[in-house]
Amino acid sequence: MRILFIYFNVNVTLGLNNGLTILSAVLKNNGHQVRLTLIEDKNYDISSMNDYINDYAPDIIGISLIETQVSHALHFLESQIFGKAKIILGGPYPTMNPTKALTLPYVDAVFIGEAETTLLDYINDLEEGTPKHLYQAISFTDLETLPMEDKDLFPINYLLSEKNHQLESSIGRGCAYSCTYCINRTFLNKYTFQGSYIRMKIPEIAIEEILPYIQKYPIYEIAFIDDDFLIYSKLPQYQKTLERFYLLYKSHIHLPFIINTNPLSVNRNNAFAFREAGGIRMRIGIESSERIRTAILKRPITDSRIVDTFHIANDLGVKISTYNMIGIPEEGTKDILDMLNLNATQKPESVKVMTFYPFTGTPLYDYCERKGLINKQKHETLDNYESESCLNYTDHSSLVLRQYQIGFSWMLNALMNHELKEIYFPEFKRLASMPKEDLERFDFFTRDKQLSDQCKDLEFMHYYKKTKSVAILWQK
């Protein structure tokens, strides 16, 4: 059969979908044809897609969905340009909302959980004329049974050029933590699966998924997108496996690499092993103040634990980038300032700030729902974590949130030292005095570059905006 995957990547960080690369490999190994359409622009050309679909004539169109991309998928579905192709949905949104996903127009089947087995089941049922509307995995996939990812499904050369020649990969799946804004724990509580949620690939396979690409393309670093890379070093069943991966990586890849991890998973020993294997940067979540982090987000991570993680990394010459979130329920200006101060004192290499979005089915969504905090219209149409919140804030609170969202790096600089405060705090105050209409028209990036150039001339370490959500630390 001919399968076309459509991946909506609008107003979110551009990247590979490793789930689709595995599904593509599984399908091709079973004799099927697979293509992918990557959609980044919300104003994509329906007519050109119509020509492409007619030319390929897929039997199945599979759409991998997160909740903030549903509006774009709906636009595609309502266009009815897919002819006789069966429409199937998978990914986080259908897994957490299967009943609602099935109500989207023209959807034939929905997949819950990991679909390496159930997608083949669906194709067999389709060929026999007995397809079902719902396919739920009964066990977590044994990663040791899977083929190598088909990264060529995606336009690799284009992605590398857009991501500073950084190739994304993974060595496992699963997360050990229960953050209230994430679907992980709800997913485990909602469904019954056989096997372990946290799993590692065979190290040789993880290496083979990278080797052809570093031989073919100019790649400067590898980014492992596992939820918590260093958790493997704390699980006895995977400690030796991770050690073997490190040895193979050093022998065959020879490129610096970065990881996502949790401060609770970091210690001096595993950070040293990471550094020795070629690790150069950890990405960790600060998210909010310690108060919000522990009481609302259920991330039992103290500020001191985060500081300890920075100390360990700094001693080893490893950089840290931080994830931060604003607009969380019960948050006040002091919580935002506490988060900013923690970043300012530790000086991560880069800082990413996003706006809280309540994903349906998560504990924090349920909390917002009980409190009547969710603006349902915004919740259904908002397609990013940068422009605004979908909570029912007052006009004033929404404006304050937007001010901090836009001027996050300026306040961060103002808190770093007195010299920077004299430069950046007046600018943030000016931004904070703007009415909403002026704020949205304000050319932040031009002014930010002017201020950054001034600080470079004065040789002041400072942050400047690289993208809407990411600020980079400049050091003399």
Protein backbone atom coordinates (compact mmCIF):
# COMPACT_ATOMS: atom_id res chain seq x y z
CA MET A 1 0.00 0.00 0.00
CA ARG A 2 0.96 3.63 -0.44
CA ILE A 3 1.03 5.64 2.79
CA LEU A 4 1.42 9.41 3.02
CA PHE A 5 2.29 10.88 6.40
CA ILE A 6 1.40 14.53 6.97
CA TYR A 7 3.26 16.26 9.77
CA PHE A 8 1.99 19.67 10.87
CA ASN A 9 4.90 21.63 12.36
CA VAL A 10 3.35 25.10 12.36
CA ASN A 11 4.52 27.74 14.88
CA VAL A 12 6.48 25.17 16.89
CA THR A 13 10.13 24.17 16.95
CA LEU A 14 11.08 22.64 13.63
CA GLY A 15 12.37 19.09 13.84
CA LEU A 16 12.14 15.42 13.08
CA ASN A 17 9.25 13.35 14.34
CA ASN A 18 11.11 10.22 15.45
CA GLY A 19 7.85 8.31 15.81
CA LEU A 20 7.16 8.77 12.11
CA THR A 21 10.70 7.81 11.13
CA ILE A 22 10.28 4.48 12.97
CA LEU A 23 6.81 3.85 11.51
CA SER A 24 8.17 4.53 8.05
CA ALA A 25 10.94 1.97 8.57
CA VAL A 26 8.47 -0.62 9.85
CA LEU A 27 6.13 -0.05 6.89
CA LYS A 28 8.89 -0.18 4.29
CA ASN A 29 10.25 -3.38 5.85
CA ASN A 30 6.80 -4.85 5.28
CA GLY A 31 6.68 -3.94 1.60
CA HIS A 32 4.74 -0.66 1.72
CA GLN A 33 5.57 2.68 0.09
CA VAL A 34 5.87 5.71 2.36
CA ARG A 35 6.16 9.45 1.76
CA LEU A 36 5.89 12.50 4.00
CA THR A 37 4.62 16.05 3.66
CA LEU A 38 6.05 18.48 6.23
CA ILE A 39 3.84 21.53 6.74
CA GLU A 40 5.37 24.56 8.48
CA ASP A 41 3.30 27.42 7.10
CA LYS A 42 -0.29 27.85 8.30
CA ASN A 43 -1.07 29.38 4.89
CA TYR A 44 0.13 26.33 3.00
CA ASP A 45 -1.13 25.91 -0.58
CA ILE A 46 -4.03 23.45 -0.65
CA SER A 47 -4.01 23.35 -4.46
CA SER A 48 -0.36 22.26 -4.63
CA MET A 49 -1.06 19.58 -2.03
CA ASN A 50 -4.00 18.44 -4.12
CA ASP A 51 -1.70 17.95 -7.13
CA TYR A 52 0.82 16.06 -5.01
CA ILE A 53 -1.80 13.76 -3.51
CA ASN A 54 -3.34 13.06 -6.90
CA ASP A 55 0.08 12.20 -8.28
CA TYR A 56 1.00 9.85 -5.42
CA ALA A 57 -2.53 8.46 -4.96
CA PRO A 58 -2.03 7.24 -1.38
CA ASP A 59 -4.23 4.50 0.01
CA ILE A 60 -3.75 5.88 3.55
CA ILE A 61 -3.00 9.35 4.86
CA GLY A 62 -1.63 9.28 8.40
CA ILE A 63 -1.52 12.46 10.48
CA SER A 64 0.56 12.67 13.66
CA LEU A 65 -1.02 15.28 15.92
CA ILE A 66 -0.31 17.30 19.00
CA GLU A 67 -3.21 19.32 20.32
CA THR A 68 -1.97 22.72 19.16
CA GLN A 69 -1.90 21.49 15.55
CA VAL A 70 -5.50 20.24 15.41
CA SER A 71 -6.80 23.43 13.80
CA HIS A 72 -4.37 22.97 10.89
CA ALA A 73 -5.29 19.32 10.49
CA LEU A 74 -8.95 20.33 10.49
CA HIS A 75 -8.29 22.81 7.68
CA PHE A 76 -6.72 20.02 5.65
CA LEU A 77 -9.53 17.56 6.37
CA GLU A 78 -12.26 20.03 5.48
CA SER A 79 -10.57 20.71 2.15
CA GLN A 80 -11.41 17.10 1.11
CA ILE A 81 -8.43 16.97 -1.24
CA PHE A 82 -7.44 13.44 -0.17
CA GLY A 83 -9.69 11.57 -2.58
CA LYS A 84 -10.34 7.96 -1.63
CA ALA A 85 -7.47 7.73 0.86
CA LYS A 86 -8.29 6.52 4.35
CA ILE A 87 -7.52 9.12 7.02
CA ILE A 88 -5.88 7.87 10.23
CA LEU A 89 -4.68 9.83 13.25
CA GLY A 90 -1.94 9.04 15.77
CA GLY A 91 0.29 10.82 18.24
CA PRO A 92 -0.31 12.56 21.60
CA TYR A 93 -3.66 14.21 20.78
CA PRO A 94 -5.53 11.09 19.54
CA THR A 95 -3.98 9.02 22.32
CA MET A 96 -5.31 11.35 25.01
CA ASN A 97 -8.56 12.23 23.20
CA PRO A 98 -9.50 9.22 21.03
CA THR A 99 -13.27 9.81 21.15
CA LYS A 100 -12.93 13.46 20.17
CA ALA A 101 -10.33 12.65 17.52
CA LEU A 102 -12.77 10.23 15.90
CA THR A 103 -15.32 13.03 15.56
CA LEU A 104 -13.02 15.06 13.30
CA PRO A 105 -14.42 15.01 9.76
CA TYR A 106 -13.43 12.17 7.43
CA VAL A 107 -11.29 10.37 10.03
CA ASP A 108 -11.46 6.60 9.54
CA ALA A 109 -9.29 5.33 12.42
CA VAL A 110 -7.47 6.53 15.51
CA PHE A 111 -4.38 4.98 17.12
CA ILE A 112 -3.72 4.97 20.86
CA GLY A 113 -0.14 4.67 22.08
CA GLU A 114 2.81 3.35 20.13
CA ALA A 115 1.67 2.18 16.69
CA GLU A 116 4.50 0.04 15.33
CA THR A 117 2.31 -3.08 15.60
CA THR A 118 -1.21 -1.68 15.41
CA LEU A 119 -0.56 0.21 12.17
CA LEU A 120 0.31 -3.07 10.47
CA ASP A 121 -2.81 -4.59 12.03
CA TYR A 122 -4.90 -1.81 10.50
CA ILE A 123 -3.40 -2.32 7.05
CA ASN A 124 -4.08 -6.06 7.25
CA ASP A 125 -7.65 -5.39 8.37
CA LEU A 126 -8.08 -2.86 5.57
CA GLU A 127 -6.88 -5.35 2.99
CA GLU A 128 -9.33 -7.92 4.38
CA GLY A 129 -12.18 -5.41 4.43
CA THR A 130 -12.54 -5.46 8.24
CA PRO A 131 -10.93 -2.22 9.49
CA LYS A 132 -11.82 -0.91 12.95
CA HIS A 133 -12.13 2.70 14.05
CA LEU A 134 -9.90 2.39 17.11
CA TYR A 135 -6.56 0.63 17.51
CA GLN A 136 -4.98 0.54 20.96
CA ALA A 137 -1.53 -0.86 21.64
CA ILE A 138 -1.57 -3.49 24.40
CA SER A 139 2.13 -3.27 25.18
CA PHE A 140 5.04 -0.88 24.91
CA THR A 141 7.15 -1.59 21.87
CA ASP A 142 10.30 -3.60 22.48
CA LEU A 143 12.82 -1.22 20.94
CA GLU A 144 15.25 -4.07 20.35
CA THR A 145 12.87 -5.52 17.75
CA LEU A 146 12.61 -2.36 15.65
CA PRO A 147 14.50 -1.49 12.46
CA MET A 148 16.61 1.63 12.24
CA GLU A 149 14.78 4.95 11.94
CA ASP A 150 14.09 6.09 8.40
CA LYS A 151 15.30 9.65 8.90
CA ASP A 152 15.33 10.13 5.11
CA LEU A 153 11.55 10.32 5.33
CA PHE A 154 12.16 13.96 6.30
CA PRO A 155 14.00 16.58 4.18
CA ILE A 156 17.23 16.15 6.14
CA ASN A 157 19.31 18.69 4.22
CA TYR A 158 16.67 21.36 4.76
CA LEU A 159 16.25 20.56 8.46
CA LEU A 160 20.01 20.67 9.02
CA SER A 161 20.28 24.06 7.33
CA GLU A 162 17.46 25.41 9.52
CA LYS A 163 18.84 23.91 12.76
CA ASN A 164 22.51 24.92 12.53
CA HIS A 165 23.49 21.50 11.19
CA GLN A 166 22.21 19.69 14.25
CA LEU A 167 20.87 16.17 13.71
CA GLU A 168 18.18 14.86 16.07
CA SER A 169 18.15 11.27 17.26
CA SER A 170 17.23 9.17 20.30
CA ILE A 171 18.47 6.16 22.25
CA GLY A 172 15.27 5.26 24.07
CA ARG A 173 11.77 6.17 25.21
CA GLY A 174 9.93 6.96 28.41
CA CYS A 175 10.00 9.30 31.40
CA ALA A 176 10.09 8.57 35.13
CA TYR A 177 8.45 11.78 36.32
CA SER A 178 4.87 12.96 36.85
CA CYS A 179 4.74 16.64 35.89
CA THR A 180 1.15 17.87 35.88
CA TYR A 181 1.45 19.74 32.56
CA CYS A 182 2.70 16.66 30.69
CA ILE A 183 0.70 13.73 29.31
CA ASN A 184 3.22 11.07 30.43
CA ARG A 185 1.70 10.12 33.77
CA THR A 186 -1.90 10.47 32.61
CA PHE A 187 -1.07 8.26 29.64
CA LEU A 188 0.22 5.55 31.98
CA ASN A 189 -2.74 5.88 34.34
CA LYS A 190 -5.34 5.89 31.57
CA TYR A 191 -4.26 2.77 29.69
CA THR A 192 -2.90 -0.63 30.61
CA PHE A 193 0.25 -1.66 28.77
CA GLN A 194 2.56 -4.62 29.13
CA GLY A 195 6.29 -4.04 29.50
CA SER A 196 8.44 -1.20 30.76
CA TYR A 197 7.71 2.38 29.79
CA ILE A 198 11.37 3.42 30.02
CA ARG A 199 13.37 1.54 27.39
CA MET A 200 16.67 1.76 25.54
CA LYS A 201 17.56 0.77 22.02
CA ILE A 202 20.38 -1.64 21.23
CA PRO A 203 23.39 0.73 21.28
CA GLU A 204 24.64 -0.53 17.92
CA ILE A 205 21.28 0.36 16.34
CA ALA A 206 21.31 3.83 17.92
CA ILE A 207 24.75 4.41 16.41
CA GLU A 208 23.75 3.04 12.99
CA GLU A 209 20.84 5.51 12.92
CA ILE A 210 23.39 8.34 12.97
CA LEU A 211 26.38 7.08 10.96
CA PRO A 212 24.99 7.36 7.40
CA TYR A 213 24.00 10.96 7.97
CA ILE A 214 27.31 12.22 9.35
CA GLN A 215 28.96 10.60 6.35
CA LYS A 216 26.58 12.27 3.91
CA TYR A 217 25.80 15.70 5.40
CA PRO A 218 27.71 18.51 7.16
CA ILE A 219 26.58 17.84 10.75
CA TYR A 220 28.12 19.74 13.66
CA GLU A 221 26.38 18.11 16.62
CA ILE A 222 23.83 15.48 17.59
CA ALA A 223 20.79 16.33 19.73
CA PHE A 224 19.29 13.38 21.60
CA ILE A 225 15.63 14.17 22.20
CA ASP A 226 14.94 11.49 24.83
CA ASP A 227 12.77 12.89 27.63
CA ASP A 228 15.52 12.32 30.22
CA PHE A 229 18.76 10.94 28.81
CA LEU A 230 20.56 10.54 32.13
CA ILE A 231 17.75 8.50 33.72
CA TYR A 232 19.21 5.47 31.94
CA SER A 233 22.36 5.78 34.06
CA LYS A 234 20.26 5.51 37.24
CA LEU A 235 18.36 2.38 36.21
CA PRO A 236 20.39 -0.79 36.95
CA GLN A 237 19.02 -2.62 33.91
CA TYR A 238 20.36 0.08 31.56
CA GLN A 239 23.61 1.22 33.16
CA LYS A 240 25.79 -1.18 31.17
CA THR A 241 23.79 -0.46 28.01
CA LEU A 242 24.45 3.26 28.35
CA GLU A 243 28.15 2.60 28.98
CA ARG A 244 28.30 0.54 25.78
CA PHE A 245 26.53 3.30 23.86
CA TYR A 246 29.09 5.84 25.10
CA LEU A 247 31.99 3.62 23.99
CA LEU A 248 30.48 3.13 20.53
CA TYR A 249 29.67 6.83 20.21
CA LYS A 250 33.24 7.84 21.00
CA SER A 251 34.58 5.23 18.56
CA HIS A 252 32.30 5.93 15.61
CA ILE A 253 30.60 9.33 15.77
CA HIS A 254 33.22 11.83 17.02
CA LEU A 255 30.72 14.69 17.26
CA PRO A 256 29.65 16.77 20.26
CA PHE A 257 26.16 15.98 21.49
CA ILE A 258 23.46 17.52 23.64
CA ILE A 259 20.69 15.98 25.73
CA ASN A 260 17.49 16.69 27.62
CA THR A 261 17.63 15.67 31.25
CA ASN A 262 16.09 16.35 34.66
CA PRO A 263 18.16 17.90 37.49
CA LEU A 264 17.00 15.00 39.68
CA SER A 265 18.77 12.62 37.31
CA VAL A 266 22.10 14.47 37.30
CA ASN A 267 25.02 13.55 39.55
CA ARG A 268 28.75 14.09 39.25
CA ASN A 269 29.46 10.57 38.04
CA ASN A 270 26.93 10.41 35.21
CA ALA A 271 27.69 14.00 34.18
CA PHE A 272 31.39 13.08 33.95
CA ALA A 273 30.60 10.00 31.82
CA PHE A 274 28.40 12.17 29.59
CA ARG A 275 31.18 14.72 29.14
CA GLU A 276 33.80 12.04 28.45
CA ALA A 277 31.62 10.56 25.68
CA GLY A 278 31.45 13.93 23.91
CA GLY A 279 28.52 15.58 25.68
CA ILE A 280 28.71 19.36 25.64
CA ARG A 281 25.29 20.62 26.73
CA MET A 282 22.37 19.60 28.94
CA ARG A 283 18.90 21.06 28.53
CA ILE A 284 16.96 21.17 31.79
CA GLY A 285 13.62 22.55 32.91
CA ILE A 286 13.55 25.36 35.46
CA GLU A 287 9.96 26.04 34.35
CA SER A 288 8.97 28.43 37.16
CA SER A 289 9.67 29.46 40.73
CA GLU A 290 10.33 26.75 43.29
CA ARG A 291 6.87 27.40 44.76
CA ILE A 292 5.03 26.84 41.46
CA ARG A 293 7.37 24.06 40.41
CA THR A 294 6.73 21.95 43.49
CA ALA A 295 3.13 22.83 44.40
CA ILE A 296 1.49 23.23 40.97
CA LEU A 297 3.71 21.42 38.46
CA LYS A 298 4.57 18.56 40.85
CA ARG A 299 8.23 18.76 39.92
CA PRO A 300 9.90 18.23 43.32
CA ILE A 301 13.03 20.09 42.26
CA THR A 302 14.36 22.74 44.61
CA ASP A 303 16.33 25.77 43.48
CA SER A 304 19.33 24.37 45.33
CA ARG A 305 19.14 21.14 43.30
CA ILE A 306 19.15 23.19 40.10
CA VAL A 307 22.12 25.22 41.37
CA ASP A 308 23.95 21.98 42.21
CA THR A 309 23.34 20.80 38.64
CA PHE A 310 24.90 24.00 37.30
CA HIS A 311 27.88 23.59 39.65
CA ILE A 312 28.48 20.03 38.45
CA ALA A 313 28.18 21.07 34.81
CA ASN A 314 30.39 24.14 35.21
CA ASP A 315 33.11 22.11 36.94
CA LEU A 316 33.14 19.72 33.98
CA GLY A 317 32.97 22.40 31.30
CA VAL A 318 29.47 21.34 30.25
CA LYS A 319 26.98 24.02 29.19
CA ILE A 320 23.37 24.14 30.33
CA SER A 321 20.32 25.50 28.50
CA THR A 322 17.07 26.03 30.38
CA TYR A 323 13.38 25.64 29.60
CA ASN A 324 11.08 28.15 31.29
CA MET A 325 7.32 28.65 31.34
CA ILE A 326 5.08 31.59 32.19
CA GLY A 327 1.32 31.90 32.48
CA ILE A 328 0.93 28.94 34.86
CA PRO A 329 -2.17 28.89 37.11
CA GLU A 330 -1.58 30.50 40.53
CA GLU A 331 1.54 32.24 39.20
CA GLY A 332 2.28 35.81 40.26
CA THR A 333 4.85 38.37 39.13
CA LYS A 334 7.11 37.29 42.01
CA ASP A 335 7.19 33.73 40.63
CA ILE A 336 8.30 35.01 37.22
CA LEU A 337 10.98 37.17 38.85
CA ASP A 338 12.18 34.24 40.99
CA MET A 339 12.56 32.17 37.82
CA LEU A 340 14.38 35.03 36.09
CA ASN A 341 16.69 35.51 39.07
CA LEU A 342 17.63 31.84 39.12
CA ASN A 343 18.55 32.03 35.43
CA ALA A 344 20.41 35.30 35.99
CA THR A 345 22.57 33.92 38.80
CA GLN A 346 23.42 30.68 36.96
CA LYS A 347 23.83 32.13 33.44
CA PRO A 348 22.79 29.22 31.20
CA GLU A 349 24.09 29.17 27.64
CA SER A 350 20.59 29.74 26.30
CA VAL A 351 17.15 30.35 27.77
CA LYS A 352 13.86 29.27 26.25
CA VAL A 353 10.60 30.71 27.54
CA MET A 354 7.20 29.36 26.55
CA THR A 355 3.63 30.10 27.63
CA PHE A 356 1.71 27.44 29.52
CA TYR A 357 -0.81 25.53 27.40
CA PRO A 358 -3.22 23.12 29.15
CA PHE A 359 -3.07 19.85 27.21
CA THR A 360 -6.35 17.97 27.49
CA GLY A 361 -6.18 15.03 29.87
CA THR A 362 -3.27 16.30 31.94
CA PRO A 363 -3.76 16.98 35.67
CA LEU A 364 -3.15 20.68 35.15
CA TYR A 365 -5.79 20.80 32.41
CA ASP A 366 -8.27 19.19 34.81
CA TYR A 367 -7.31 21.76 37.45
CA CYS A 368 -7.86 24.64 35.00
CA GLU A 369 -11.16 23.11 33.91
CA ARG A 370 -12.44 22.87 37.50
CA LYS A 371 -11.45 26.48 38.14
CA GLY A 372 -13.06 27.71 34.92
CA LEU A 373 -9.73 29.10 33.72
CA ILE A 374 -9.78 27.90 30.11
CA ASN A 375 -10.99 30.06 27.25
CA LYS A 376 -12.37 27.24 25.11
CA GLN A 377 -12.29 29.16 21.84
CA LYS A 378 -8.63 30.11 22.29
CA HIS A 379 -7.80 26.61 23.49
CA GLU A 380 -9.11 25.12 20.26
CA THR A 381 -7.47 27.63 17.90
CA LEU A 382 -4.15 28.54 19.57
CA ASP A 383 -1.36 26.85 17.62
CA ASN A 384 1.76 27.85 19.55
CA TYR A 385 3.24 28.52 22.99
CA GLU A 386 4.63 31.96 22.19
CA SER A 387 1.95 34.43 21.18
CA GLU A 388 -0.49 34.32 24.09
CA SER A 389 -2.22 32.27 26.77
CA CYS A 390 -5.54 30.49 26.31
CA LEU A 391 -6.49 30.99 29.97
CA ASN A 392 -9.19 33.44 31.04
CA TYR A 393 -6.93 36.21 32.29
CA THR A 394 -8.10 39.78 32.72
CA ASP A 395 -7.00 42.20 30.01
CA HIS A 396 -4.41 43.62 32.43
CA SER A 397 -3.01 40.21 33.40
CA SER A 398 -2.85 39.15 29.74
CA LEU A 399 -0.95 42.32 28.93
CA VAL A 400 1.55 41.80 31.78
CA LEU A 401 2.08 38.22 30.65
CA ARG A 402 2.73 39.38 27.08
CA GLN A 403 5.19 42.00 28.33
CA TYR A 404 7.23 39.40 30.15
CA GLN A 405 6.97 37.04 27.22
CA ILE A 406 8.39 39.60 24.79
CA GLY A 407 10.85 41.25 27.18
CA PHE A 408 12.02 38.15 29.06
CA SER A 409 15.65 38.50 27.96
CA TRP A 410 15.70 42.20 28.85
CA MET A 411 14.59 41.52 32.40
CA LEU A 412 17.07 38.66 32.58
CA ASN A 413 19.87 41.04 31.61
CA ALA A 414 18.65 43.69 34.05
CA LEU A 415 18.91 41.17 36.89
CA MET A 416 22.44 40.01 36.01
CA ASN A 417 24.38 43.07 37.13
CA HIS A 418 24.12 46.81 37.75
CA GLU A 419 25.65 47.89 34.43
CA LEU A 420 23.16 45.83 32.46
CA LYS A 421 20.31 47.02 34.67
CA GLU A 422 21.04 50.62 33.68
CA ILE A 423 20.78 49.63 30.00
CA TYR A 424 17.94 47.12 29.97
CA PHE A 425 15.59 47.98 32.82
CA PRO A 426 14.49 51.33 31.35
CA GLU A 427 13.82 49.51 28.08
CA PHE A 428 11.68 46.91 29.82
CA LYS A 429 9.79 49.66 31.69
CA ARG A 430 9.09 51.39 28.38
CA LEU A 431 7.87 48.11 26.91
CA ALA A 432 5.74 47.48 30.01
CA SER A 433 4.05 50.90 29.65
CA MET A 434 2.85 50.22 26.12
CA PRO A 435 -0.81 49.51 25.44
CA LYS A 436 -1.52 46.17 23.80
CA GLU A 437 -1.78 47.56 20.26
CA ASP A 438 1.61 49.32 20.49
CA LEU A 439 3.19 46.29 22.13
CA GLU A 440 2.18 44.01 19.28
CA ARG A 441 3.55 46.48 16.71
CA PHE A 442 6.78 47.05 18.61
CA ASP A 443 9.88 46.01 16.63
CA PHE A 444 11.54 44.16 19.48
CA PHE A 445 14.24 42.45 17.43
CA THR A 446 15.59 45.68 15.93
CA ARG A 447 15.82 47.33 19.34
CA ASP A 448 17.21 44.16 20.89
CA LYS A 449 20.03 44.10 18.33
CA GLN A 450 20.85 47.74 19.01
CA LEU A 451 21.10 47.08 22.74
CA SER A 452 23.08 43.88 22.18
CA ASP A 453 25.58 45.68 19.94
CA GLN A 454 25.99 48.35 22.62
CA CYS A 455 26.71 45.68 25.25
CA LYS A 456 29.17 43.92 22.95
CA ASP A 457 31.05 47.19 22.46
CA LEU A 458 31.17 47.55 26.26
CA GLU A 459 32.11 43.84 26.53
CA PHE A 460 29.19 43.06 28.85
CA MET A 461 28.02 39.47 29.01
CA HIS A 462 24.32 39.55 28.12
CA TYR A 463 21.42 37.71 26.50
CA TYR A 464 20.00 38.57 23.09
CA LYS A 465 17.02 37.06 21.32
CA LYS A 466 17.77 34.42 18.67
CA THR A 467 14.12 33.54 18.06
CA LYS A 468 10.81 34.55 19.62
CA SER A 469 11.30 32.07 22.43
CA VAL A 470 15.07 31.54 22.73
CA ALA A 471 17.67 33.92 24.13
CA ILE A 472 21.40 33.24 23.72
CA LEU A 473 24.14 34.30 26.14
CA TRP A 474 26.83 36.47 24.55
CA GLN A 475 30.21 36.29 26.28
CA LYS A 476 33.26 38.36 25.44
